Amino acid sequence: MTQYQHIGPVRDIPASVIVDAARMVKTGRHYSLAAARFPGMPLFPGHPPFQVLNYRTPPGIKAEKAQPWGPPNDAGLGYMAEYVMATSHSGTHVDALGHMTVGDDNHWYGGGNTREHLTDHGPSVGDAEKLPPFFTRGVLLDPPAYRGIDALPAGEPVGAKELQAIAKAQGVEVRQWDVVLIRTGYLKYWPDATEMAKHKTAGPDLSAAEWLLEKGVVASGTDTETYEVQPAPDRGTPANPQPVHTKLLIENGIYLLESVYLEEIARDQVYEFLFVMLPVKIRGATGSMVDPLALI
């Protein structure tokens, strides 16, 4: 029987690294690294819109005499419930291994491919049901602050040499098993789509991806919807419009986070922290909406 790799290198984090990460918490302060989700929110154009629709309301229940509990209900107890219709890639999210494919066989990390492993209910290998919890050291690298600007211009690449220089300037070291978050400043203007458009799709280039691999990180995220710089300046041969996703997610199982809200943590110059993220385990989904935490 073929054995598939459902989880990337994060599966191998030593217990000692987890314990050391927990010991980083000294003050008990935490930062939410997610922005709110709402109908009409800005989204990557390849994803469906985010929508919330009422399913049950107190007036509707009374009008339909559809209360789920028996009488008497003299207190007038009611409740509200809703449908949330969205891609798992709405707002702050993590890509499952089965999110991106490459090649004529449409394969992804861990041995999955669309011919064998794509069902009517999503991929059966490397889907969001297999997403692991993340509890490890996190590092923030802030290119706009390093350059002395508020946000990177649209389509601006961030390379390995700059990331190395930023880490040195911030006095932090990127280590094996880290989650590295790279701020572009895009979400400084959230949710003003007009202002955001001036700064969209800046991000790491292929040299940055290779640097992250050399450092041994288990995941990386940015505050943009694409993670990597677009259009890619280094598409290679054959041409690949997303070489960073290919290098990190497809070839090496390094999880990618997108639309991570980094403004507060950057404002306070918190560059290393305990990173905690618990994905929602949905079978067949290709990612998970998340609300990651940075704790210090």
C-alpha atoms as a PDB file:
ATOM      1  CA  MET A   1       0.000   0.000   0.000  1.00  0.00           C
ATOM      2  CA  THR A   2       1.350   3.407  -0.964  1.00  0.00           C
ATOM      3  CA  GLN A   3       2.136   5.617   2.020  1.00  0.00           C
ATOM      4  CA  TYR A   4       1.309   9.279   1.497  1.00  0.00           C
ATOM      5  CA  GLN A   5       2.817  12.152   3.422  1.00  0.00           C
ATOM      6  CA  HIS A   6      -0.155  14.077   4.786  1.00  0.00           C
ATOM      7  CA  ILE A   7       1.894  16.555   6.858  1.00  0.00           C
ATOM      8  CA  GLY A   8       5.015  18.562   6.035  1.00  0.00           C
ATOM      9  CA  PRO A   9       8.226  18.825   8.101  1.00  0.00           C
ATOM     10  CA  VAL A  10       6.294  20.435  10.973  1.00  0.00           C
ATOM     11  CA  ARG A  11       5.440  16.848  11.964  1.00  0.00           C
ATOM     12  CA  ASP A  12       9.039  16.397  13.134  1.00  0.00           C
ATOM     13  CA  ILE A  13       9.309  19.361  15.536  1.00  0.00           C
ATOM     14  CA  PRO A  14      11.101  18.018  18.633  1.00  0.00           C
ATOM     15  CA  ALA A  15       9.288  18.239  21.953  1.00  0.00           C
ATOM     16  CA  SER A  16      12.182  20.294  23.320  1.00  0.00           C
ATOM     17  CA  VAL A  17      11.552  22.990  20.690  1.00  0.00           C
ATOM     18  CA  ILE A  18       7.893  23.181  21.697  1.00  0.00           C
ATOM     19  CA  VAL A  19       8.845  23.506  25.367  1.00  0.00           C
ATOM     20  CA  ASP A  20      11.401  26.216  24.581  1.00  0.00           C
ATOM     21  CA  ALA A  21       8.791  28.101  22.543  1.00  0.00           C
ATOM     22  CA  ALA A  22       6.354  27.988  25.460  1.00  0.00           C
ATOM     23  CA  ARG A  23       9.028  29.454  27.725  1.00  0.00           C
ATOM     24  CA  MET A  24       9.172  32.545  25.513  1.00  0.00           C
ATOM     25  CA  VAL A  25       5.937  33.774  27.099  1.00  0.00           C
ATOM     26  CA  LYS A  26       6.939  36.195  29.873  1.00  0.00           C
ATOM     27  CA  THR A  27       4.206  38.852  30.016  1.00  0.00           C
ATOM     28  CA  GLY A  28       1.128  36.917  28.901  1.00  0.00           C
ATOM     29  CA  ARG A  29       0.351  39.486  26.220  1.00  0.00           C
ATOM     30  CA  HIS A  30      -0.996  38.149  22.950  1.00  0.00           C
ATOM     31  CA  TYR A  31      -1.616  39.524  19.468  1.00  0.00           C
ATOM     32  CA  SER A  32      -4.273  38.275  17.097  1.00  0.00           C
ATOM     33  CA  LEU A  33      -2.747  37.901  13.642  1.00  0.00           C
ATOM     34  CA  ALA A  34      -6.061  37.830  11.773  1.00  0.00           C
ATOM     35  CA  ALA A  35      -8.254  40.529  10.288  1.00  0.00           C
ATOM     36  CA  ALA A  36     -12.054  40.332  10.504  1.00  0.00           C
ATOM     37  CA  ARG A  37     -14.027  38.597   7.756  1.00  0.00           C
ATOM     38  CA  PHE A  38     -17.241  40.104   6.382  1.00  0.00           C
ATOM     39  CA  PRO A  39     -19.398  40.190   3.238  1.00  0.00           C
ATOM     40  CA  GLY A  40     -17.739  42.367   0.627  1.00  0.00           C
ATOM     41  CA  MET A  41     -14.268  41.981   2.120  1.00  0.00           C
ATOM     42  CA  PRO A  42     -11.323  42.227  -0.301  1.00  0.00           C
ATOM     43  CA  LEU A  43     -10.319  38.788  -1.604  1.00  0.00           C
ATOM     44  CA  PHE A  44      -8.011  37.228  -4.161  1.00  0.00           C
ATOM     45  CA  PRO A  45     -10.016  37.314  -7.434  1.00  0.00           C
ATOM     46  CA  GLY A  46      -9.673  33.545  -7.878  1.00  0.00           C
ATOM     47  CA  HIS A  47     -11.823  32.891  -4.800  1.00  0.00           C
ATOM     48  CA  PRO A  48     -15.603  33.208  -4.320  1.00  0.00           C
ATOM     49  CA  PRO A  49     -16.958  36.080  -2.227  1.00  0.00           C
ATOM     50  CA  PHE A  50     -17.428  35.748   1.518  1.00  0.00           C
ATOM     51  CA  GLN A  51     -21.080  35.689   2.549  1.00  0.00           C
ATOM     52  CA  VAL A  52     -23.116  35.354   5.743  1.00  0.00           C
ATOM     53  CA  LEU A  53     -26.840  34.579   5.417  1.00  0.00           C
ATOM     54  CA  ASN A  54     -29.439  34.160   8.124  1.00  0.00           C
ATOM     55  CA  TYR A  55     -30.775  30.625   8.528  1.00  0.00           C
ATOM     56  CA  ARG A  56     -32.860  31.077  11.651  1.00  0.00           C
ATOM     57  CA  THR A  57     -33.960  34.282  13.422  1.00  0.00           C
ATOM     58  CA  PRO A  58     -36.247  34.817  16.445  1.00  0.00           C
ATOM     59  CA  PRO A  59     -39.015  36.477  14.331  1.00  0.00           C
ATOM     60  CA  GLY A  60     -38.759  33.783  11.675  1.00  0.00           C
ATOM     61  CA  ILE A  61     -38.985  30.971  14.205  1.00  0.00           C
ATOM     62  CA  LYS A  62     -42.127  32.502  15.711  1.00  0.00           C
ATOM     63  CA  ALA A  63     -43.729  33.142  12.317  1.00  0.00           C
ATOM     64  CA  GLU A  64     -43.088  29.575  11.165  1.00  0.00           C
ATOM     65  CA  LYS A  65     -43.770  28.035  14.567  1.00  0.00           C
ATOM     66  CA  ALA A  66     -40.498  26.216  13.975  1.00  0.00           C
ATOM     67  CA  GLN A  67     -38.909  26.296  17.419  1.00  0.00           C
ATOM     68  CA  PRO A  68     -36.772  23.171  17.940  1.00  0.00           C
ATOM     69  CA  TRP A  69     -37.978  22.689  21.520  1.00  0.00           C
ATOM     70  CA  GLY A  70     -41.454  21.834  22.689  1.00  0.00           C
ATOM     71  CA  PRO A  71     -43.933  24.115  24.466  1.00  0.00           C
ATOM     72  CA  PRO A  72     -44.382  25.864  26.747  1.00  0.00           C
ATOM     73  CA  ASN A  73     -42.096  28.784  25.825  1.00  0.00           C
ATOM     74  CA  ASP A  74     -43.685  31.624  27.754  1.00  0.00           C
ATOM     75  CA  ALA A  75     -40.282  33.339  28.085  1.00  0.00           C
ATOM     76  CA  GLY A  76     -40.140  33.848  24.319  1.00  0.00           C
ATOM     77  CA  LEU A  77     -36.795  32.102  23.954  1.00  0.00           C
ATOM     78  CA  GLY A  78     -35.354  32.436  20.462  1.00  0.00           C
ATOM     79  CA  TYR A  79     -32.068  31.910  18.693  1.00  0.00           C
ATOM     80  CA  MET A  80     -30.104  32.887  15.602  1.00  0.00           C
ATOM     81  CA  ALA A  81     -28.126  30.674  13.239  1.00  0.00           C
ATOM     82  CA  GLU A  82     -26.537  31.364   9.886  1.00  0.00           C
ATOM     83  CA  TYR A  83     -24.908  29.990   6.805  1.00  0.00           C
ATOM     84  CA  VAL A  84     -21.314  31.099   6.216  1.00  0.00           C
ATOM     85  CA  MET A  85     -20.461  30.596   2.544  1.00  0.00           C
ATOM     86  CA  ALA A  86     -16.810  31.074   1.759  1.00  0.00           C
ATOM     87  CA  THR A  87     -13.659  29.488   0.489  1.00  0.00           C
ATOM     88  CA  SER A  88     -11.341  28.151   3.169  1.00  0.00           C
ATOM     89  CA  HIS A  89      -8.891  30.740   1.811  1.00  0.00           C
ATOM     90  CA  SER A  90     -10.997  33.709   2.973  1.00  0.00           C
ATOM     91  CA  GLY A  91      -8.979  36.248   4.927  1.00  0.00           C
ATOM     92  CA  THR A  92      -6.209  34.963   7.166  1.00  0.00           C
ATOM     93  CA  HIS A  93      -5.666  31.316   6.282  1.00  0.00           C
ATOM     94  CA  VAL A  94      -3.175  28.504   5.869  1.00  0.00           C
ATOM     95  CA  ASP A  95      -2.827  26.503   2.663  1.00  0.00           C
ATOM     96  CA  ALA A  96      -3.205  22.751   3.000  1.00  0.00           C
ATOM     97  CA  LEU A  97      -0.666  20.670   1.087  1.00  0.00           C
ATOM     98  CA  GLY A  98      -3.286  19.817  -1.540  1.00  0.00           C
ATOM     99  CA  HIS A  99      -3.993  23.453  -2.418  1.00  0.00           C
ATOM    100  CA  MET A 100      -1.448  23.885  -5.221  1.00  0.00           C
ATOM    101  CA  THR A 101      -0.543  21.419  -7.968  1.00  0.00           C
ATOM    102  CA  VAL A 102       2.048  21.294 -10.726  1.00  0.00           C
ATOM    103  CA  GLY A 103       2.890  19.208 -13.788  1.00  0.00           C
ATOM    104  CA  ASP A 104       0.832  17.258 -16.311  1.00  0.00           C
ATOM    105  CA  ASP A 105      -0.307  14.935 -13.525  1.00  0.00           C
ATOM    106  CA  ASN A 106      -1.381  17.822 -11.261  1.00  0.00           C
ATOM    107  CA  HIS A 107       0.587  16.492  -8.299  1.00  0.00           C
ATOM    108  CA  TRP A 108       1.175  18.026  -4.899  1.00  0.00           C
ATOM    109  CA  TYR A 109       3.410  17.443  -1.896  1.00  0.00           C
ATOM    110  CA  GLY A 110       3.187  14.032  -0.290  1.00  0.00           C
ATOM    111  CA  GLY A 111       2.395  11.975  -3.384  1.00  0.00           C
ATOM    112  CA  GLY A 112      -1.098  13.186  -4.211  1.00  0.00           C
ATOM    113  CA  ASN A 113      -2.363  13.823  -7.745  1.00  0.00           C
ATOM    114  CA  THR A 114      -5.736  14.665  -9.250  1.00  0.00           C
ATOM    115  CA  ARG A 115      -6.170  11.397 -11.179  1.00  0.00           C
ATOM    116  CA  GLU A 116      -5.939   9.244  -8.072  1.00  0.00           C
ATOM    117  CA  HIS A 117      -6.809  11.514  -5.183  1.00  0.00           C
ATOM    118  CA  LEU A 118      -9.297  14.182  -6.272  1.00  0.00           C
ATOM    119  CA  THR A 119     -12.847  13.260  -5.254  1.00  0.00           C
ATOM    120  CA  ASP A 120     -16.175  15.048  -5.666  1.00  0.00           C
ATOM    121  CA  HIS A 121     -15.565  16.302  -2.130  1.00  0.00           C
ATOM    122  CA  GLY A 122     -12.013  17.563  -2.554  1.00  0.00           C
ATOM    123  CA  PRO A 123      -8.579  15.949  -2.271  1.00  0.00           C
ATOM    124  CA  SER A 124      -8.279  12.811  -0.162  1.00  0.00           C
ATOM    125  CA  VAL A 125      -4.541  13.281   0.407  1.00  0.00           C
ATOM    126  CA  GLY A 126      -3.029  16.400   1.982  1.00  0.00           C
ATOM    127  CA  ASP A 127      -6.387  18.053   2.648  1.00  0.00           C
ATOM    128  CA  ALA A 128      -7.263  20.334   5.556  1.00  0.00           C
ATOM    129  CA  GLU A 129      -8.369  17.425   7.737  1.00  0.00           C
ATOM    130  CA  LYS A 130      -4.672  16.550   8.034  1.00  0.00           C
ATOM    131  CA  LEU A 131      -3.494  20.062   8.908  1.00  0.00           C
ATOM    132  CA  PRO A 132      -1.491  19.894  12.149  1.00  0.00           C
ATOM    133  CA  PRO A 133      -1.518  22.289  15.089  1.00  0.00           C
ATOM    134  CA  PHE A 134       1.308  24.832  15.124  1.00  0.00           C
ATOM    135  CA  PHE A 135       3.013  25.617  18.426  1.00  0.00           C
ATOM    136  CA  THR A 136       6.540  26.865  17.877  1.00  0.00           C
ATOM    137  CA  ARG A 137       8.764  29.927  17.780  1.00  0.00           C
ATOM    138  CA  GLY A 138       7.634  32.705  15.470  1.00  0.00           C
ATOM    139  CA  VAL A 139       9.737  35.438  13.877  1.00  0.00           C
ATOM    140  CA  LEU A 140       8.561  38.662  12.236  1.00  0.00           C
ATOM    141  CA  LEU A 141      10.669  40.259   9.503  1.00  0.00           C
ATOM    142  CA  ASP A 142       9.601  43.783   8.520  1.00  0.00           C
ATOM    143  CA  PRO A 143      10.935  44.981   5.124  1.00  0.00           C
ATOM    144  CA  PRO A 144       9.015  48.305   5.075  1.00  0.00           C
ATOM    145  CA  ALA A 145      10.408  49.298   8.475  1.00  0.00           C
ATOM    146  CA  TYR A 146      13.885  48.303   7.327  1.00  0.00           C
ATOM    147  CA  ARG A 147      13.480  50.511   4.247  1.00  0.00           C
ATOM    148  CA  GLY A 148      11.929  53.371   6.218  1.00  0.00           C
ATOM    149  CA  ILE A 149       8.559  53.302   4.439  1.00  0.00           C
ATOM    150  CA  ASP A 150       4.990  52.429   5.452  1.00  0.00           C
ATOM    151  CA  ALA A 151       4.434  49.662   2.912  1.00  0.00           C
ATOM    152  CA  LEU A 152       6.135  48.082  -0.068  1.00  0.00           C
ATOM    153  CA  PRO A 153       4.917  49.200  -3.497  1.00  0.00           C
ATOM    154  CA  ALA A 154       2.816  46.792  -5.543  1.00  0.00           C
ATOM    155  CA  GLY A 155       4.759  43.916  -7.058  1.00  0.00           C
ATOM    156  CA  GLU A 156       7.921  44.628  -5.054  1.00  0.00           C
ATOM    157  CA  PRO A 157      10.126  41.559  -4.475  1.00  0.00           C
ATOM    158  CA  VAL A 158      11.844  40.759  -1.194  1.00  0.00           C
ATOM    159  CA  GLY A 159      14.928  38.605  -1.650  1.00  0.00           C
ATOM    160  CA  ALA A 160      17.173  36.474   0.505  1.00  0.00           C
ATOM    161  CA  LYS A 161      19.872  39.099   1.010  1.00  0.00           C
ATOM    162  CA  GLU A 162      17.349  41.624   2.270  1.00  0.00           C
ATOM    163  CA  LEU A 163      15.738  39.130   4.649  1.00  0.00           C
ATOM    164  CA  GLN A 164      19.145  38.268   6.044  1.00  0.00           C
ATOM    165  CA  ALA A 165      19.934  41.963   6.515  1.00  0.00           C
ATOM    166  CA  ILE A 166      16.558  42.596   8.166  1.00  0.00           C
ATOM    167  CA  ALA A 167      17.071  39.767  10.629  1.00  0.00           C
ATOM    168  CA  LYS A 168      20.459  41.199  11.563  1.00  0.00           C
ATOM    169  CA  ALA A 169      19.091  44.735  11.920  1.00  0.00           C
ATOM    170  CA  GLN A 170      16.227  43.492  14.109  1.00  0.00           C
ATOM    171  CA  GLY A 171      18.564  41.398  16.234  1.00  0.00           C
ATOM    172  CA  VAL A 172      16.773  38.117  15.562  1.00  0.00           C
ATOM    173  CA  GLU A 173      17.959  34.792  14.214  1.00  0.00           C
ATOM    174  CA  VAL A 174      15.814  32.577  12.007  1.00  0.00           C
ATOM    175  CA  ARG A 175      16.165  28.992  13.228  1.00  0.00           C
ATOM    176  CA  GLN A 176      15.075  25.522  12.272  1.00  0.00           C
ATOM    177  CA  TRP A 177      11.415  24.804  13.155  1.00  0.00           C
ATOM    178  CA  ASP A 178      10.445  28.502  13.103  1.00  0.00           C
ATOM    179  CA  VAL A 179       7.390  30.079  11.510  1.00  0.00           C
ATOM    180  CA  VAL A 180       8.602  33.211   9.696  1.00  0.00           C
ATOM    181  CA  LEU A 181       6.133  36.025   9.007  1.00  0.00           C
ATOM    182  CA  ILE A 182       7.079  38.688   6.473  1.00  0.00           C
ATOM    183  CA  ARG A 183       5.291  42.036   6.559  1.00  0.00           C
ATOM    184  CA  THR A 184       4.787  44.055   3.373  1.00  0.00           C
ATOM    185  CA  GLY A 185       2.450  46.667   4.890  1.00  0.00           C
ATOM    186  CA  TYR A 186      -0.440  45.684   2.607  1.00  0.00           C
ATOM    187  CA  LEU A 187      -2.914  45.281   5.463  1.00  0.00           C
ATOM    188  CA  LYS A 188      -2.016  48.668   6.930  1.00  0.00           C
ATOM    189  CA  TYR A 189      -4.770  49.929   4.624  1.00  0.00           C
ATOM    190  CA  TRP A 190      -7.289  47.144   5.288  1.00  0.00           C
ATOM    191  CA  PRO A 191     -10.080  47.121   4.139  1.00  0.00           C
ATOM    192  CA  ASP A 192      -9.655  50.114   1.794  1.00  0.00           C
ATOM    193  CA  ALA A 193      -9.379  48.279  -1.533  1.00  0.00           C
ATOM    194  CA  THR A 194      -8.243  51.403  -3.393  1.00  0.00           C
ATOM    195  CA  GLU A 195      -5.280  52.033  -1.092  1.00  0.00           C
ATOM    196  CA  MET A 196      -4.497  48.328  -0.821  1.00  0.00           C
ATOM    197  CA  ALA A 197      -4.213  48.081  -4.610  1.00  0.00           C
ATOM    198  CA  LYS A 198      -1.170  50.371  -4.475  1.00  0.00           C
ATOM    199  CA  HIS A 199       0.662  47.754  -2.408  1.00  0.00           C
ATOM    200  CA  LYS A 200      -0.739  44.413  -3.545  1.00  0.00           C
ATOM    201  CA  THR A 201       1.317  41.324  -4.406  1.00  0.00           C
ATOM    202  CA  ALA A 202       4.628  42.467  -2.969  1.00  0.00           C
ATOM    203  CA  GLY A 203       6.416  39.622  -1.251  1.00  0.00           C
ATOM    204  CA  PRO A 204       9.163  37.003  -1.162  1.00  0.00           C
ATOM    205  CA  ASP A 205      10.867  35.962  -4.380  1.00  0.00           C
ATOM    206  CA  LEU A 206      12.440  32.599  -5.174  1.00  0.00           C
ATOM    207  CA  SER A 207      15.737  33.475  -3.487  1.00  0.00           C
ATOM    208  CA  ALA A 208      13.801  34.227  -0.297  1.00  0.00           C
ATOM    209  CA  ALA A 209      12.083  30.841  -0.537  1.00  0.00           C
ATOM    210  CA  GLU A 210      15.428  29.100  -0.876  1.00  0.00           C
ATOM    211  CA  TRP A 211      16.760  31.042   2.125  1.00  0.00           C
ATOM    212  CA  LEU A 212      13.789  29.974   4.230  1.00  0.00           C
ATOM    213  CA  LEU A 213      14.398  26.371   3.221  1.00  0.00           C
ATOM    214  CA  GLU A 214      18.057  26.641   4.191  1.00  0.00           C
ATOM    215  CA  LYS A 215      16.999  27.951   7.593  1.00  0.00           C
ATOM    216  CA  GLY A 216      14.700  24.966   8.116  1.00  0.00           C
ATOM    217  CA  VAL A 217      11.426  26.794   8.742  1.00  0.00           C
ATOM    218  CA  VAL A 218       8.199  24.779   8.907  1.00  0.00           C
ATOM    219  CA  ALA A 219       5.852  27.545   7.720  1.00  0.00           C
ATOM    220  CA  SER A 220       5.929  31.106   6.473  1.00  0.00           C
ATOM    221  CA  GLY A 221       3.319  33.786   5.997  1.00  0.00           C
ATOM    222  CA  THR A 222       2.810  37.267   4.643  1.00  0.00           C
ATOM    223  CA  ASP A 223       0.098  39.897   4.925  1.00  0.00           C
ATOM    224  CA  THR A 224      -0.849  39.596   1.242  1.00  0.00           C
ATOM    225  CA  GLU A 225      -3.328  37.350  -0.562  1.00  0.00           C
ATOM    226  CA  THR A 226      -0.634  35.750  -2.734  1.00  0.00           C
ATOM    227  CA  TYR A 227       2.221  35.220  -0.235  1.00  0.00           C
ATOM    228  CA  GLU A 228       4.835  35.572  -2.971  1.00  0.00           C
ATOM    229  CA  VAL A 229       5.632  38.526  -5.204  1.00  0.00           C
ATOM    230  CA  GLN A 230       3.454  38.744  -8.302  1.00  0.00           C
ATOM    231  CA  PRO A 231       4.115  38.786 -11.146  1.00  0.00           C
ATOM    232  CA  ALA A 232       7.030  36.495 -10.369  1.00  0.00           C
ATOM    233  CA  PRO A 233      10.351  37.927 -11.622  1.00  0.00           C
ATOM    234  CA  ASP A 234      11.970  34.471 -11.761  1.00  0.00           C
ATOM    235  CA  ARG A 235       9.573  32.080 -13.491  1.00  0.00           C
ATOM    236  CA  GLY A 236      12.306  29.774 -14.785  1.00  0.00           C
ATOM    237  CA  THR A 237      11.995  27.144 -17.521  1.00  0.00           C
ATOM    238  CA  PRO A 238       9.371  25.868 -18.039  1.00  0.00           C
ATOM    239  CA  ALA A 239       7.696  29.102 -17.022  1.00  0.00           C
ATOM    240  CA  ASN A 240       6.008  28.870 -13.619  1.00  0.00           C
ATOM    241  CA  PRO A 241       3.876  31.832 -12.477  1.00  0.00           C
ATOM    242  CA  GLN A 242       4.170  30.850  -8.795  1.00  0.00           C
ATOM    243  CA  PRO A 243       7.698  29.507  -8.238  1.00  0.00           C
ATOM    244  CA  VAL A 244       7.666  30.251  -4.498  1.00  0.00           C
ATOM    245  CA  HIS A 245       4.511  28.215  -3.851  1.00  0.00           C
ATOM    246  CA  THR A 246       6.038  25.458  -5.947  1.00  0.00           C
ATOM    247  CA  LYS A 247       9.342  25.492  -4.075  1.00  0.00           C
ATOM    248  CA  LEU A 248       7.933  25.743  -0.560  1.00  0.00           C
ATOM    249  CA  LEU A 249       4.492  24.125  -0.545  1.00  0.00           C
ATOM    250  CA  ILE A 250       4.570  21.608  -3.401  1.00  0.00           C
ATOM    251  CA  GLU A 251       8.185  20.461  -3.307  1.00  0.00           C
ATOM    252  CA  ASN A 252       8.960  20.743   0.403  1.00  0.00           C
ATOM    253  CA  GLY A 253       5.709  20.750   2.376  1.00  0.00           C
ATOM    254  CA  ILE A 254       6.367  24.142   3.971  1.00  0.00           C
ATOM    255  CA  TYR A 255       2.982  25.555   4.914  1.00  0.00           C
ATOM    256  CA  LEU A 256       2.087  29.017   3.635  1.00  0.00           C
ATOM    257  CA  LEU A 257      -0.104  31.551   5.413  1.00  0.00           C
ATOM    258  CA  GLU A 258      -1.706  34.472   3.622  1.00  0.00           C
ATOM    259  CA  SER A 259      -3.439  37.687   4.705  1.00  0.00           C
ATOM    260  CA  VAL A 260      -1.776  37.533   8.128  1.00  0.00           C
ATOM    261  CA  TYR A 261      -2.447  40.738  10.076  1.00  0.00           C
ATOM    262  CA  LEU A 262       0.940  42.033  11.229  1.00  0.00           C
ATOM    263  CA  GLU A 263       0.354  45.730  11.892  1.00  0.00           C
ATOM    264  CA  GLU A 264       0.076  45.647  15.691  1.00  0.00           C
ATOM    265  CA  ILE A 265       2.978  43.316  16.272  1.00  0.00           C
ATOM    266  CA  ALA A 266       5.134  45.357  13.877  1.00  0.00           C
ATOM    267  CA  ARG A 267       4.135  48.618  15.581  1.00  0.00           C
ATOM    268  CA  ASP A 268       5.355  47.212  18.895  1.00  0.00           C
ATOM    269  CA  GLN A 269       8.523  45.826  17.287  1.00  0.00           C
ATOM    270  CA  VAL A 270       7.861  42.313  18.545  1.00  0.00           C
ATOM    271  CA  TYR A 271      10.159  40.237  16.388  1.00  0.00           C
ATOM    272  CA  GLU A 272      10.139  36.862  18.161  1.00  0.00           C
ATOM    273  CA  PHE A 273       7.299  35.172  20.003  1.00  0.00           C
ATOM    274  CA  LEU A 274       5.417  31.974  20.638  1.00  0.00           C
ATOM    275  CA  PHE A 275       3.350  31.248  17.528  1.00  0.00           C
ATOM    276  CA  VAL A 276       0.130  29.270  17.989  1.00  0.00           C
ATOM    277  CA  MET A 277      -2.287  28.267  15.227  1.00  0.00           C
ATOM    278  CA  LEU A 278      -5.029  25.629  15.239  1.00  0.00           C
ATOM    279  CA  PRO A 279      -6.472  24.962  11.764  1.00  0.00           C
ATOM    280  CA  VAL A 280     -10.051  23.748  11.342  1.00  0.00           C
ATOM    281  CA  LYS A 281      -9.966  20.114  10.224  1.00  0.00           C
ATOM    282  CA  ILE A 282     -12.378  19.985   7.271  1.00  0.00           C
ATOM    283  CA  ARG A 283     -12.130  16.858   5.145  1.00  0.00           C
ATOM    284  CA  GLY A 284     -11.562  17.689   1.483  1.00  0.00           C
ATOM    285  CA  ALA A 285     -10.826  21.386   2.042  1.00  0.00           C
ATOM    286  CA  THR A 286      -7.629  22.838   0.589  1.00  0.00           C
ATOM    287  CA  GLY A 287      -6.959  25.261   3.419  1.00  0.00           C
ATOM    288  CA  SER A 288      -8.290  26.614   6.676  1.00  0.00           C
ATOM    289  CA  MET A 289      -9.325  30.017   7.896  1.00  0.00           C
ATOM    290  CA  VAL A 290      -7.309  30.687  11.050  1.00  0.00           C
ATOM    291  CA  ASP A 291      -6.784  33.247  13.806  1.00  0.00           C
ATOM    292  CA  PRO A 292      -3.104  32.760  14.689  1.00  0.00           C
ATOM    293  CA  LEU A 293      -1.744  34.128  17.942  1.00  0.00           C
ATOM    294  CA  ALA A 294       1.627  35.626  18.809  1.00  0.00           C
ATOM    295  CA  LEU A 295       2.318  35.455  22.550  1.00  0.00           C
ATOM    296  CA  ILE A 296       5.113  37.199  24.440  1.00  0.00           C
END
